[in-house]
Amino acid sequence: PLTSAQSVSSMLAQQEEGLDEDQVEGLKLISRSLKRMDEMVTRILDISKLERVGNPHCKELINLNEVFEEVLHEFNEIASRKEIEIHFESVIYHVPADIDMLKHIIENLLSNSIKFSPRKKNIYISIEGQEGDIVFQIKDEGPGISKSDKQKLFKKFQKLAAKPTEGEATTGLGLSIVKKYTDMLGGKVWCNSEEGKGATFYVSLPKLKTDK
């Protein structure tokens, strides 16, 4: 049903001629609402699937740098709407992982960073090798996370005290999905943050023994 509604909404939006300003804005509101609902349903289904399925059986050698570039291509426009600049330090590392899980981890963390960042701020992304692991971090200049909220991180349906800066939708599922996927890939995820000083999320994944 959502797919059908989105298709009709998209078709109407391409035929703005003859519509007044209020009708055009109404169509845009419908499109945004349908997109939010689609994201919510997708995340709920992701959680349900994770609780039924065990460890991934389709690991492959993935260029982590290429995955980041692909995700950034999708998110740069969203960030630009809030005049947020994303800084990415490109370093080539390969990790054995499930490509879909890895993309979901990056997408959820980057989406949160954008949602909770005020306008005209920066997001910093870097990748580095640490002994037997590859660690990437996503750092924002948002409101940070309180001590009480740190206890809620990575749990399902948890809404934090900090709110998206421009009313963006949030389901409270993104970080729990990140935690589930990271665990299934044999990695770790954690966060360093102080109130008023932004937040930095780290993901550590096992690297190939041949990588240095």
C-alpha atoms as a PDB file:
ATOM      1  CA  PRO A   1       0.000   0.000   0.000  1.00  0.00           C
ATOM      2  CA  LEU A   2       2.817   2.446   0.777  1.00  0.00           C
ATOM      3  CA  THR A   3       4.452   1.795  -2.585  1.00  0.00           C
ATOM      4  CA  SER A   4       1.200   2.549  -4.414  1.00  0.00           C
ATOM      5  CA  ALA A   5       0.625   5.733  -2.416  1.00  0.00           C
ATOM      6  CA  GLN A   6       4.190   6.888  -3.036  1.00  0.00           C
ATOM      7  CA  SER A   7       3.879   6.241  -6.769  1.00  0.00           C
ATOM      8  CA  VAL A   8       0.663   8.270  -7.048  1.00  0.00           C
ATOM      9  CA  SER A   9       2.120  11.063  -4.914  1.00  0.00           C
ATOM     10  CA  SER A  10       5.235  11.194  -7.110  1.00  0.00           C
ATOM     11  CA  MET A  11       3.134  11.236 -10.281  1.00  0.00           C
ATOM     12  CA  LEU A  12       0.986  14.120  -8.998  1.00  0.00           C
ATOM     13  CA  ALA A  13       4.062  16.062  -7.894  1.00  0.00           C
ATOM     14  CA  GLN A  14       5.356  15.961 -11.487  1.00  0.00           C
ATOM     15  CA  GLN A  15       2.142  17.563 -12.723  1.00  0.00           C
ATOM     16  CA  GLU A  16       2.188  20.780 -10.705  1.00  0.00           C
ATOM     17  CA  GLU A  17       0.786  22.855 -13.560  1.00  0.00           C
ATOM     18  CA  GLY A  18      -2.710  23.986 -12.652  1.00  0.00           C
ATOM     19  CA  LEU A  19      -2.197  23.533  -8.910  1.00  0.00           C
ATOM     20  CA  ASP A  20      -2.135  26.453  -6.530  1.00  0.00           C
ATOM     21  CA  GLU A  21       0.603  27.002  -3.937  1.00  0.00           C
ATOM     22  CA  ASP A  22      -1.299  25.330  -1.090  1.00  0.00           C
ATOM     23  CA  GLN A  23      -1.972  22.223  -3.187  1.00  0.00           C
ATOM     24  CA  VAL A  24       1.708  21.933  -4.149  1.00  0.00           C
ATOM     25  CA  GLU A  25       2.745  22.228  -0.493  1.00  0.00           C
ATOM     26  CA  GLY A  26       0.112  19.657   0.415  1.00  0.00           C
ATOM     27  CA  LEU A  27       1.590  17.188  -2.079  1.00  0.00           C
ATOM     28  CA  LYS A  28       5.059  17.763  -0.653  1.00  0.00           C
ATOM     29  CA  LEU A  29       3.730  17.111   2.854  1.00  0.00           C
ATOM     30  CA  ILE A  30       2.096  13.867   1.698  1.00  0.00           C
ATOM     31  CA  SER A  31       5.372  12.738   0.074  1.00  0.00           C
ATOM     32  CA  ARG A  32       7.395  13.491   3.193  1.00  0.00           C
ATOM     33  CA  SER A  33       4.873  11.712   5.428  1.00  0.00           C
ATOM     34  CA  LEU A  34       4.826   8.633   3.206  1.00  0.00           C
ATOM     35  CA  LYS A  35       8.622   8.545   3.197  1.00  0.00           C
ATOM     36  CA  ARG A  36       8.730   8.706   7.006  1.00  0.00           C
ATOM     37  CA  MET A  37       6.159   5.935   7.286  1.00  0.00           C
ATOM     38  CA  ASP A  38       8.115   3.804   4.805  1.00  0.00           C
ATOM     39  CA  GLU A  39      11.290   4.275   6.870  1.00  0.00           C
ATOM     40  CA  MET A  40       9.479   3.330  10.081  1.00  0.00           C
ATOM     41  CA  VAL A  41       7.983   0.162   8.592  1.00  0.00           C
ATOM     42  CA  THR A  42      11.333  -0.828   7.059  1.00  0.00           C
ATOM     43  CA  ARG A  43      13.142  -0.468  10.371  1.00  0.00           C
ATOM     44  CA  ILE A  44      10.503  -2.420  12.275  1.00  0.00           C
ATOM     45  CA  LEU A  45      10.787  -5.218   9.692  1.00  0.00           C
ATOM     46  CA  ASP A  46      14.585  -5.086   9.965  1.00  0.00           C
ATOM     47  CA  ILE A  47      14.383  -5.602  13.728  1.00  0.00           C
ATOM     48  CA  SER A  48      11.908  -8.480  13.291  1.00  0.00           C
ATOM     49  CA  LYS A  49      14.196 -10.129  10.738  1.00  0.00           C
ATOM     50  CA  LEU A  50      17.236  -9.729  12.975  1.00  0.00           C
ATOM     51  CA  GLU A  51      15.473 -11.502  15.820  1.00  0.00           C
ATOM     52  CA  ARG A  52      14.706 -14.489  13.570  1.00  0.00           C
ATOM     53  CA  VAL A  53      17.920 -14.799  11.559  1.00  0.00           C
ATOM     54  CA  GLY A  54      21.328 -15.817  12.879  1.00  0.00           C
ATOM     55  CA  ASN A  55      24.764 -14.684  11.733  1.00  0.00           C
ATOM     56  CA  PRO A  56      25.095 -13.642   8.077  1.00  0.00           C
ATOM     57  CA  HIS A  57      26.065 -16.312   5.564  1.00  0.00           C
ATOM     58  CA  CYS A  58      27.049 -13.956   2.741  1.00  0.00           C
ATOM     59  CA  LYS A  59      30.201 -12.261   3.974  1.00  0.00           C
ATOM     60  CA  GLU A  60      32.479 -10.952   1.252  1.00  0.00           C
ATOM     61  CA  LEU A  61      35.590  -8.832   1.066  1.00  0.00           C
ATOM     62  CA  ILE A  62      34.409  -5.224   0.975  1.00  0.00           C
ATOM     63  CA  ASN A  63      36.258  -1.993   0.284  1.00  0.00           C
ATOM     64  CA  LEU A  64      35.059   0.101   3.223  1.00  0.00           C
ATOM     65  CA  ASN A  65      36.084   3.339   1.505  1.00  0.00           C
ATOM     66  CA  GLU A  66      33.837   2.585  -1.489  1.00  0.00           C
ATOM     67  CA  VAL A  67      30.865   1.849   0.776  1.00  0.00           C
ATOM     68  CA  PHE A  68      31.295   5.191   2.522  1.00  0.00           C
ATOM     69  CA  GLU A  69      31.530   7.043  -0.799  1.00  0.00           C
ATOM     70  CA  GLU A  70      28.325   5.371  -1.994  1.00  0.00           C
ATOM     71  CA  VAL A  71      26.431   6.251   1.184  1.00  0.00           C
ATOM     72  CA  LEU A  72      27.783   9.814   1.190  1.00  0.00           C
ATOM     73  CA  HIS A  73      26.561  10.262  -2.380  1.00  0.00           C
ATOM     74  CA  GLU A  74      23.038   9.579  -1.079  1.00  0.00           C
ATOM     75  CA  PHE A  75      23.314  11.715   2.071  1.00  0.00           C
ATOM     76  CA  ASN A  76      25.202  14.793   0.846  1.00  0.00           C
ATOM     77  CA  GLU A  77      22.007  16.336  -0.520  1.00  0.00           C
ATOM     78  CA  ILE A  78      20.182  15.749   2.776  1.00  0.00           C
ATOM     79  CA  ALA A  79      23.059  17.348   4.694  1.00  0.00           C
ATOM     80  CA  SER A  80      23.197  20.307   2.298  1.00  0.00           C
ATOM     81  CA  ARG A  81      19.580  21.189   3.104  1.00  0.00           C
ATOM     82  CA  LYS A  82      20.788  22.026   6.612  1.00  0.00           C
ATOM     83  CA  GLU A  83      24.035  23.522   5.283  1.00  0.00           C
ATOM     84  CA  ILE A  84      25.966  20.764   7.033  1.00  0.00           C
ATOM     85  CA  GLU A  85      29.374  19.901   5.606  1.00  0.00           C
ATOM     86  CA  ILE A  86      30.545  16.284   5.752  1.00  0.00           C
ATOM     87  CA  HIS A  87      34.311  15.773   5.897  1.00  0.00           C
ATOM     88  CA  PHE A  88      35.503  12.309   4.883  1.00  0.00           C
ATOM     89  CA  GLU A  89      39.104  11.147   5.171  1.00  0.00           C
ATOM     90  CA  SER A  90      39.421   8.602   2.374  1.00  0.00           C
ATOM     91  CA  VAL A  91      41.555   5.591   3.374  1.00  0.00           C
ATOM     92  CA  ILE A  92      41.331   2.175   1.694  1.00  0.00           C
ATOM     93  CA  TYR A  93      40.696  -0.770   3.992  1.00  0.00           C
ATOM     94  CA  HIS A  94      38.997  -4.079   3.264  1.00  0.00           C
ATOM     95  CA  VAL A  95      36.752  -5.909   5.712  1.00  0.00           C
ATOM     96  CA  PRO A  96      34.985  -9.281   5.462  1.00  0.00           C
ATOM     97  CA  ALA A  97      31.334  -8.364   5.941  1.00  0.00           C
ATOM     98  CA  ASP A  98      27.788  -8.501   4.615  1.00  0.00           C
ATOM     99  CA  ILE A  99      27.449  -5.507   2.285  1.00  0.00           C
ATOM    100  CA  ASP A 100      23.811  -4.751   3.184  1.00  0.00           C
ATOM    101  CA  MET A 101      24.487  -4.881   6.926  1.00  0.00           C
ATOM    102  CA  LEU A 102      27.532  -2.646   6.574  1.00  0.00           C
ATOM    103  CA  LYS A 103      25.594  -0.080   4.547  1.00  0.00           C
ATOM    104  CA  HIS A 104      22.760  -0.058   7.090  1.00  0.00           C
ATOM    105  CA  ILE A 105      25.240   0.571   9.922  1.00  0.00           C
ATOM    106  CA  ILE A 106      26.769   3.564   8.143  1.00  0.00           C
ATOM    107  CA  GLU A 107      23.415   4.919   6.934  1.00  0.00           C
ATOM    108  CA  ASN A 108      21.829   4.823  10.391  1.00  0.00           C
ATOM    109  CA  LEU A 109      24.788   6.490  12.107  1.00  0.00           C
ATOM    110  CA  LEU A 110      25.137   9.177   9.453  1.00  0.00           C
ATOM    111  CA  SER A 111      21.392   9.805   9.385  1.00  0.00           C
ATOM    112  CA  ASN A 112      21.398  10.377  13.154  1.00  0.00           C
ATOM    113  CA  SER A 113      24.358  12.739  12.936  1.00  0.00           C
ATOM    114  CA  ILE A 114      22.546  14.860  10.365  1.00  0.00           C
ATOM    115  CA  LYS A 115      19.229  14.809  12.218  1.00  0.00           C
ATOM    116  CA  PHE A 116      20.739  15.942  15.522  1.00  0.00           C
ATOM    117  CA  SER A 117      23.127  18.533  14.084  1.00  0.00           C
ATOM    118  CA  PRO A 118      22.115  22.198  13.947  1.00  0.00           C
ATOM    119  CA  ARG A 119      22.455  24.122  10.719  1.00  0.00           C
ATOM    120  CA  LYS A 120      25.881  25.065   9.363  1.00  0.00           C
ATOM    121  CA  LYS A 121      27.744  22.496  11.459  1.00  0.00           C
ATOM    122  CA  ASN A 122      30.235  19.805  10.459  1.00  0.00           C
ATOM    123  CA  ILE A 123      30.347  16.017  10.482  1.00  0.00           C
ATOM    124  CA  TYR A 124      33.722  14.272  10.438  1.00  0.00           C
ATOM    125  CA  ILE A 125      34.238  10.705   9.211  1.00  0.00           C
ATOM    126  CA  SER A 126      37.518   8.813   9.394  1.00  0.00           C
ATOM    127  CA  ILE A 127      38.790   5.230   9.080  1.00  0.00           C
ATOM    128  CA  GLU A 128      41.904   3.757  10.636  1.00  0.00           C
ATOM    129  CA  GLY A 129      43.492   0.405  11.346  1.00  0.00           C
ATOM    130  CA  GLN A 130      44.049  -0.600  14.968  1.00  0.00           C
ATOM    131  CA  GLU A 131      45.891  -3.895  15.542  1.00  0.00           C
ATOM    132  CA  GLY A 132      43.467  -6.587  14.340  1.00  0.00           C
ATOM    133  CA  ASP A 133      40.537  -4.260  13.648  1.00  0.00           C
ATOM    134  CA  ILE A 134      39.367  -1.521  11.332  1.00  0.00           C
ATOM    135  CA  VAL A 135      37.731   1.339  13.248  1.00  0.00           C
ATOM    136  CA  PHE A 136      35.645   4.046  11.639  1.00  0.00           C
ATOM    137  CA  GLN A 137      34.159   7.001  13.468  1.00  0.00           C
ATOM    138  CA  ILE A 138      31.417   9.510  12.728  1.00  0.00           C
ATOM    139  CA  LYS A 139      31.662  12.704  14.765  1.00  0.00           C
ATOM    140  CA  ASP A 140      29.058  15.473  14.877  1.00  0.00           C
ATOM    141  CA  GLU A 141      28.723  18.905  16.459  1.00  0.00           C
ATOM    142  CA  GLY A 142      25.251  18.355  17.863  1.00  0.00           C
ATOM    143  CA  PRO A 143      23.920  18.691  21.438  1.00  0.00           C
ATOM    144  CA  GLY A 144      25.723  15.597  22.721  1.00  0.00           C
ATOM    145  CA  ILE A 145      24.262  12.806  24.846  1.00  0.00           C
ATOM    146  CA  SER A 146      23.452  13.002  28.549  1.00  0.00           C
ATOM    147  CA  LYS A 147      24.625  10.384  31.068  1.00  0.00           C
ATOM    148  CA  SER A 148      21.094   9.059  31.492  1.00  0.00           C
ATOM    149  CA  ASP A 149      20.586   8.762  27.736  1.00  0.00           C
ATOM    150  CA  LYS A 150      23.834   6.822  27.352  1.00  0.00           C
ATOM    151  CA  GLN A 151      22.143   3.992  29.266  1.00  0.00           C
ATOM    152  CA  LYS A 152      19.443   3.851  26.585  1.00  0.00           C
ATOM    153  CA  LEU A 153      21.720   3.774  23.549  1.00  0.00           C
ATOM    154  CA  PHE A 154      21.430   0.751  21.263  1.00  0.00           C
ATOM    155  CA  LYS A 155      18.140  -0.411  22.838  1.00  0.00           C
ATOM    156  CA  LYS A 156      14.916  -0.731  20.844  1.00  0.00           C
ATOM    157  CA  PHE A 157      12.334   2.080  20.717  1.00  0.00           C
ATOM    158  CA  GLN A 158      14.381   4.432  22.916  1.00  0.00           C
ATOM    159  CA  LYS A 159      13.851   8.157  22.409  1.00  0.00           C
ATOM    160  CA  LEU A 160      16.630  10.352  23.782  1.00  0.00           C
ATOM    161  CA  ALA A 161      16.271  13.726  25.473  1.00  0.00           C
ATOM    162  CA  ALA A 162      17.997  15.437  22.531  1.00  0.00           C
ATOM    163  CA  LYS A 163      15.622  16.064  19.627  1.00  0.00           C
ATOM    164  CA  PRO A 164      16.258  16.296  15.878  1.00  0.00           C
ATOM    165  CA  THR A 165      17.029  19.940  15.203  1.00  0.00           C
ATOM    166  CA  GLU A 166      14.426  20.478  12.476  1.00  0.00           C
ATOM    167  CA  GLY A 167      11.679  18.072  13.493  1.00  0.00           C
ATOM    168  CA  GLU A 168      12.978  15.096  11.515  1.00  0.00           C
ATOM    169  CA  ALA A 169      11.256  11.784  12.199  1.00  0.00           C
ATOM    170  CA  THR A 170      12.912   9.242  14.465  1.00  0.00           C
ATOM    171  CA  THR A 171      11.710   5.748  15.390  1.00  0.00           C
ATOM    172  CA  GLY A 172      14.121   4.895  18.195  1.00  0.00           C
ATOM    173  CA  LEU A 173      15.239   1.837  16.207  1.00  0.00           C
ATOM    174  CA  GLY A 174      18.291   3.054  14.275  1.00  0.00           C
ATOM    175  CA  LEU A 175      20.939   2.502  16.932  1.00  0.00           C
ATOM    176  CA  SER A 176      19.513  -0.869  17.979  1.00  0.00           C
ATOM    177  CA  ILE A 177      19.841  -1.998  14.344  1.00  0.00           C
ATOM    178  CA  VAL A 178      23.423  -0.712  14.291  1.00  0.00           C
ATOM    179  CA  LYS A 179      24.209  -2.729  17.422  1.00  0.00           C
ATOM    180  CA  LYS A 180      22.585  -5.921  16.105  1.00  0.00           C
ATOM    181  CA  TYR A 181      24.343  -5.752  12.733  1.00  0.00           C
ATOM    182  CA  THR A 182      27.715  -4.906  14.266  1.00  0.00           C
ATOM    183  CA  ASP A 183      27.451  -7.826  16.684  1.00  0.00           C
ATOM    184  CA  MET A 184      26.555 -10.170  13.833  1.00  0.00           C
ATOM    185  CA  LEU A 185      29.624  -9.021  11.897  1.00  0.00           C
ATOM    186  CA  GLY A 186      31.852  -9.780  14.892  1.00  0.00           C
ATOM    187  CA  GLY A 187      32.481  -6.126  15.696  1.00  0.00           C
ATOM    188  CA  LYS A 188      31.810  -3.558  18.408  1.00  0.00           C
ATOM    189  CA  VAL A 189      30.057  -0.184  18.514  1.00  0.00           C
ATOM    190  CA  TRP A 190      30.320   2.521  21.157  1.00  0.00           C
ATOM    191  CA  CYS A 191      29.872   6.240  21.671  1.00  0.00           C
ATOM    192  CA  ASN A 192      31.868   9.025  23.320  1.00  0.00           C
ATOM    193  CA  SER A 193      29.910  12.161  24.104  1.00  0.00           C
ATOM    194  CA  GLU A 194      29.409  15.045  26.497  1.00  0.00           C
ATOM    195  CA  GLU A 195      26.389  17.300  26.639  1.00  0.00           C
ATOM    196  CA  GLY A 196      26.964  20.367  24.496  1.00  0.00           C
ATOM    197  CA  LYS A 197      30.045  18.883  22.824  1.00  0.00           C
ATOM    198  CA  GLY A 198      28.620  16.640  20.127  1.00  0.00           C
ATOM    199  CA  ALA A 199      28.853  12.861  19.847  1.00  0.00           C
ATOM    200  CA  THR A 200      31.303  10.454  18.229  1.00  0.00           C
ATOM    201  CA  PHE A 201      30.195   6.943  17.291  1.00  0.00           C
ATOM    202  CA  TYR A 202      32.825   4.277  16.716  1.00  0.00           C
ATOM    203  CA  VAL A 203      32.459   0.955  14.910  1.00  0.00           C
ATOM    204  CA  SER A 204      35.212  -1.641  15.092  1.00  0.00           C
ATOM    205  CA  LEU A 205      35.244  -4.524  12.602  1.00  0.00           C
ATOM    206  CA  PRO A 206      37.743  -7.389  12.227  1.00  0.00           C
ATOM    207  CA  LYS A 207      40.122  -6.826   9.323  1.00  0.00           C
ATOM    208  CA  LEU A 208      41.971  -9.287   7.116  1.00  0.00           C
ATOM    209  CA  LYS A 209      45.180 -10.630   8.598  1.00  0.00           C
ATOM    210  CA  THR A 210      47.046  -9.476   5.480  1.00  0.00           C
ATOM    211  CA  ASP A 211      46.009  -5.819   6.011  1.00  0.00           C
ATOM    212  CA  LYS A 212      48.480  -3.568   7.846  1.00  0.00           C
END
